[in-house]
PDB file of N, CA and C in Angstrom:
ATOM      1  N   MET A   1      15.123  -5.791  18.666  1.00  0.00           N
ATOM      2  CA  MET A   1      14.852  -6.671  17.498  1.00  0.00           C
ATOM      3  C   MET A   1      16.170  -6.924  16.829  1.00  0.00           C
ATOM      4  N   THR A   2      16.484  -8.251  16.663  1.00  0.00           N
ATOM      5  CA  THR A   2      17.680  -8.590  15.995  1.00  0.00           C
ATOM      6  C   THR A   2      17.406  -9.124  14.583  1.00  0.00           C
ATOM      7  N   TRP A   3      18.381  -9.411  13.731  1.00  0.00           N
ATOM      8  CA  TRP A   3      18.205  -9.922  12.348  1.00  0.00           C
ATOM      9  C   TRP A   3      17.580 -11.319  12.382  1.00  0.00           C
ATOM     10  N   THR A   4      17.845 -12.160  13.415  1.00  0.00           N
ATOM     11  CA  THR A   4      17.308 -13.477  13.483  1.00  0.00           C
ATOM     12  C   THR A   4      15.810 -13.406  13.890  1.00  0.00           C
ATOM     13  N   THR A   5      15.424 -12.509  14.708  1.00  0.00           N
ATOM     14  CA  THR A   5      14.027 -12.368  15.030  1.00  0.00           C
ATOM     15  C   THR A   5      13.237 -11.607  13.979  1.00  0.00           C
ATOM     16  N   PHE A   6      13.961 -10.739  13.251  1.00  0.00           N
ATOM     17  CA  PHE A   6      13.338  -9.978  12.109  1.00  0.00           C
ATOM     18  C   PHE A   6      12.835 -10.973  11.026  1.00  0.00           C
ATOM     19  N   PHE A   7      13.637 -11.926  10.599  1.00  0.00           N
ATOM     20  CA  PHE A   7      13.465 -12.895   9.657  1.00  0.00           C
ATOM     21  C   PHE A   7      12.723 -14.280  10.265  1.00  0.00           C
ATOM     22  N   ASP A   8      12.234 -14.222  11.465  1.00  0.00           N
ATOM     23  CA  ASP A   8      11.480 -15.258  12.038  1.00  0.00           C
ATOM     24  C   ASP A   8      10.062 -15.133  11.549  1.00  0.00           C
ATOM     25  N   LEU A   9       9.685 -15.998  10.635  1.00  0.00           N
ATOM     26  CA  LEU A   9       8.421 -15.911  10.021  1.00  0.00           C
ATOM     27  C   LEU A   9       7.273 -16.675  10.637  1.00  0.00           C
ATOM     28  N   SER A  10       7.649 -17.157  12.040  1.00  0.00           N
ATOM     29  CA  SER A  10       6.616 -17.929  12.566  1.00  0.00           C
ATOM     30  C   SER A  10       5.396 -17.146  13.040  1.00  0.00           C
ATOM     31  N   THR A  11       5.382 -15.945  13.200  1.00  0.00           N
ATOM     32  CA  THR A  11       4.366 -15.031  13.678  1.00  0.00           C
ATOM     33  C   THR A  11       3.880 -14.170  12.464  1.00  0.00           C
ATOM     34  N   MET A  12       2.508 -14.033  12.491  1.00  0.00           N
ATOM     35  CA  MET A  12       1.941 -13.224  11.456  1.00  0.00           C
ATOM     36  C   MET A  12       2.527 -11.783  11.275  1.00  0.00           C
ATOM     37  N   ALA A  13       2.757 -11.161  12.426  1.00  0.00           N
ATOM     38  CA  ALA A  13       3.219  -9.855  12.508  1.00  0.00           C
ATOM     39  C   ALA A  13       4.583  -9.699  11.839  1.00  0.00           C
ATOM     40  N   HIS A  14       5.461 -10.692  12.162  1.00  0.00           N
ATOM     41  CA  HIS A  14       6.820 -10.682  11.544  1.00  0.00           C
ATOM     42  C   HIS A  14       6.761 -11.056  10.023  1.00  0.00           C
ATOM     43  N   ARG A  15       5.910 -11.908   9.616  1.00  0.00           N
ATOM     44  CA  ARG A  15       5.678 -12.198   8.289  1.00  0.00           C
ATOM     45  C   ARG A  15       5.170 -10.968   7.461  1.00  0.00           C
ATOM     46  N   HIS A  16       4.263 -10.227   8.035  1.00  0.00           N
ATOM     47  CA  HIS A  16       3.745  -8.971   7.401  1.00  0.00           C
ATOM     48  C   HIS A  16       4.788  -8.015   7.197  1.00  0.00           C
ATOM     49  N   LEU A  17       5.639  -7.923   8.313  1.00  0.00           N
ATOM     50  CA  LEU A  17       6.702  -6.809   8.294  1.00  0.00           C
ATOM     51  C   LEU A  17       7.637  -7.147   7.253  1.00  0.00           C
ATOM     52  N   VAL A  18       8.034  -8.381   7.179  1.00  0.00           N
ATOM     53  CA  VAL A  18       9.036  -8.723   6.107  1.00  0.00           C
ATOM     54  C   VAL A  18       8.569  -8.493   4.661  1.00  0.00           C
ATOM     55  N   PHE A  19       7.244  -8.846   4.460  1.00  0.00           N
ATOM     56  CA  PHE A  19       6.655  -8.641   3.144  1.00  0.00           C
ATOM     57  C   PHE A  19       6.481  -7.217   2.762  1.00  0.00           C
ATOM     58  N   VAL A  20       6.225  -6.424   3.787  1.00  0.00           N
ATOM     59  CA  VAL A  20       6.075  -4.892   3.571  1.00  0.00           C
ATOM     60  C   VAL A  20       7.439  -4.292   3.198  1.00  0.00           C
ATOM     61  N   TYR A  21       8.394  -4.820   3.955  1.00  0.00           N
ATOM     62  CA  TYR A  21       9.790  -4.254   3.548  1.00  0.00           C
ATOM     63  C   TYR A  21      10.166  -4.713   2.260  1.00  0.00           C
ATOM     64  N   ALA A  22       9.951  -5.907   1.811  1.00  0.00           N
ATOM     65  CA  ALA A  22      10.212  -6.520   0.559  1.00  0.00           C
ATOM     66  C   ALA A  22       9.485  -5.699  -0.530  1.00  0.00           C
ATOM     67  N   GLY A  23       8.356  -5.441  -0.280  1.00  0.00           N
ATOM     68  CA  GLY A  23       7.539  -4.745  -1.290  1.00  0.00           C
ATOM     69  C   GLY A  23       8.023  -3.264  -1.509  1.00  0.00           C
ATOM     70  N   VAL A  24       8.347  -2.702  -0.449  1.00  0.00           N
ATOM     71  CA  VAL A  24       8.854  -1.234  -0.526  1.00  0.00           C
ATOM     72  C   VAL A  24      10.085  -1.272  -1.276  1.00  0.00           C
ATOM     73  N   LEU A  25      10.968  -2.284  -0.971  1.00  0.00           N
ATOM     74  CA  LEU A  25      12.245  -2.346  -1.693  1.00  0.00           C
ATOM     75  C   LEU A  25      12.082  -2.692  -3.091  1.00  0.00           C
ATOM     76  N   VAL A  26      11.093  -3.407  -3.532  1.00  0.00           N
ATOM     77  CA  VAL A  26      10.917  -3.773  -4.994  1.00  0.00           C
ATOM     78  C   VAL A  26      10.359  -2.479  -5.611  1.00  0.00           C
ATOM     79  N   LEU A  27       9.564  -1.722  -5.048  1.00  0.00           N
ATOM     80  CA  LEU A  27       8.927  -0.466  -5.601  1.00  0.00           C
ATOM     81  C   LEU A  27      10.192   0.424  -5.820  1.00  0.00           C
ATOM     82  N   GLN A  28      11.003   0.700  -4.864  1.00  0.00           N
ATOM     83  CA  GLN A  28      12.171   1.565  -4.853  1.00  0.00           C
ATOM     84  C   GLN A  28      13.080   1.194  -5.987  1.00  0.00           C
ATOM     85  N   LEU A  29      13.390  -0.037  -6.158  1.00  0.00           N
ATOM     86  CA  LEU A  29      14.322  -0.496  -7.233  1.00  0.00           C
ATOM     87  C   LEU A  29      13.543  -0.164  -8.623  1.00  0.00           C
ATOM     88  N   GLY A  30      12.331  -0.584  -8.679  1.00  0.00           N
ATOM     89  CA  GLY A  30      11.620  -0.331  -9.968  1.00  0.00           C
ATOM     90  C   GLY A  30      11.638   1.124 -10.272  1.00  0.00           C
ATOM     91  N   TYR A  31      11.375   1.975  -9.343  1.00  0.00           N
ATOM     92  CA  TYR A  31      11.406   3.445  -9.639  1.00  0.00           C
ATOM     93  C   TYR A  31      12.722   3.938 -10.012  1.00  0.00           C
ATOM     94  N   ALA A  32      13.901   3.394  -9.313  1.00  0.00           N
ATOM     95  CA  ALA A  32      15.135   3.833  -9.686  1.00  0.00           C
ATOM     96  C   ALA A  32      15.553   3.470 -11.057  1.00  0.00           C
ATOM     97  N   GLY A  33      15.178   2.209 -11.422  1.00  0.00           N
ATOM     98  CA  GLY A  33      15.304   1.744 -12.816  1.00  0.00           C
ATOM     99  C   GLY A  33      14.614   2.599 -13.803  1.00  0.00           C
ATOM    100  N   TRP A  34      13.391   2.942 -13.505  1.00  0.00           N
ATOM    101  CA  TRP A  34      12.712   3.762 -14.456  1.00  0.00           C
ATOM    102  C   TRP A  34      13.313   5.190 -14.654  1.00  0.00           C
ATOM    103  N   VAL A  35      13.740   5.765 -13.508  1.00  0.00           N
ATOM    104  CA  VAL A  35      14.426   7.067 -13.495  1.00  0.00           C
ATOM    105  C   VAL A  35      15.751   6.880 -14.298  1.00  0.00           C
ATOM    106  N   ALA A  36      16.443   5.868 -14.074  1.00  0.00           N
ATOM    107  CA  ALA A  36      17.752   5.692 -14.804  1.00  0.00           C
ATOM    108  C   ALA A  36      17.596   5.510 -16.368  1.00  0.00           C
ATOM    109  N   ARG A  37      16.573   4.764 -16.639  1.00  0.00           N
ATOM    110  CA  ARG A  37      16.278   4.580 -18.088  1.00  0.00           C
ATOM    111  C   ARG A  37      15.925   5.753 -18.714  1.00  0.00           C
ATOM    112  N   ASN A  38      14.922   6.662 -18.168  1.00  0.00           N
ATOM    113  CA  ASN A  38      14.616   7.944 -18.644  1.00  0.00           C
ATOM    114  C   ASN A  38      15.773   8.863 -18.732  1.00  0.00           C
ATOM    115  N   TRP A  39      16.588   8.792 -17.650  1.00  0.00           N
ATOM    116  CA  TRP A  39      17.695   9.710 -17.712  1.00  0.00           C
ATOM    117  C   TRP A  39      18.718   9.409 -18.756  1.00  0.00           C
ATOM    118  N   PHE A  40      18.999   8.149 -19.030  1.00  0.00           N
ATOM    119  CA  PHE A  40      19.849   7.849 -20.141  1.00  0.00           C
ATOM    120  C   PHE A  40      19.280   8.023 -21.443  1.00  0.00           C
ATOM    121  N   ARG A  41      17.837   7.888 -21.617  1.00  0.00           N
ATOM    122  CA  ARG A  41      17.254   8.206 -22.832  1.00  0.00           C
ATOM    123  C   ARG A  41      17.303   9.695 -23.204  1.00  0.00           C
ATOM    124  N   ALA A  42      17.105  10.610 -22.153  1.00  0.00           N
ATOM    125  CA  ALA A  42      17.219  11.930 -22.343  1.00  0.00           C
ATOM    126  C   ALA A  42      18.591  12.470 -22.667  1.00  0.00           C
ATOM    127  N   GLY A  43      19.599  11.705 -22.260  1.00  0.00           N
ATOM    128  CA  GLY A  43      21.023  12.128 -22.520  1.00  0.00           C
ATOM    129  C   GLY A  43      21.439  11.921 -23.994  1.00  0.00           C
ATOM    130  N   ARG A  44      20.780  11.112 -24.648  1.00  0.00           N
ATOM    131  CA  ARG A  44      21.158  10.756 -26.178  1.00  0.00           C
ATOM    132  C   ARG A  44      20.916  11.965 -26.964  1.00  0.00           C
TER     133      ARG A  44
END
């Protein structure tokens, strides 16, 4: 699998895979932001 085939949204399987990866990335960024916010609050 290459990057061009990974982002080829013509098939349902590829579309689902890209949306799952995007969802996981959003969750990880949100969790990292929550941890950073609490970490900086506790440091004050």
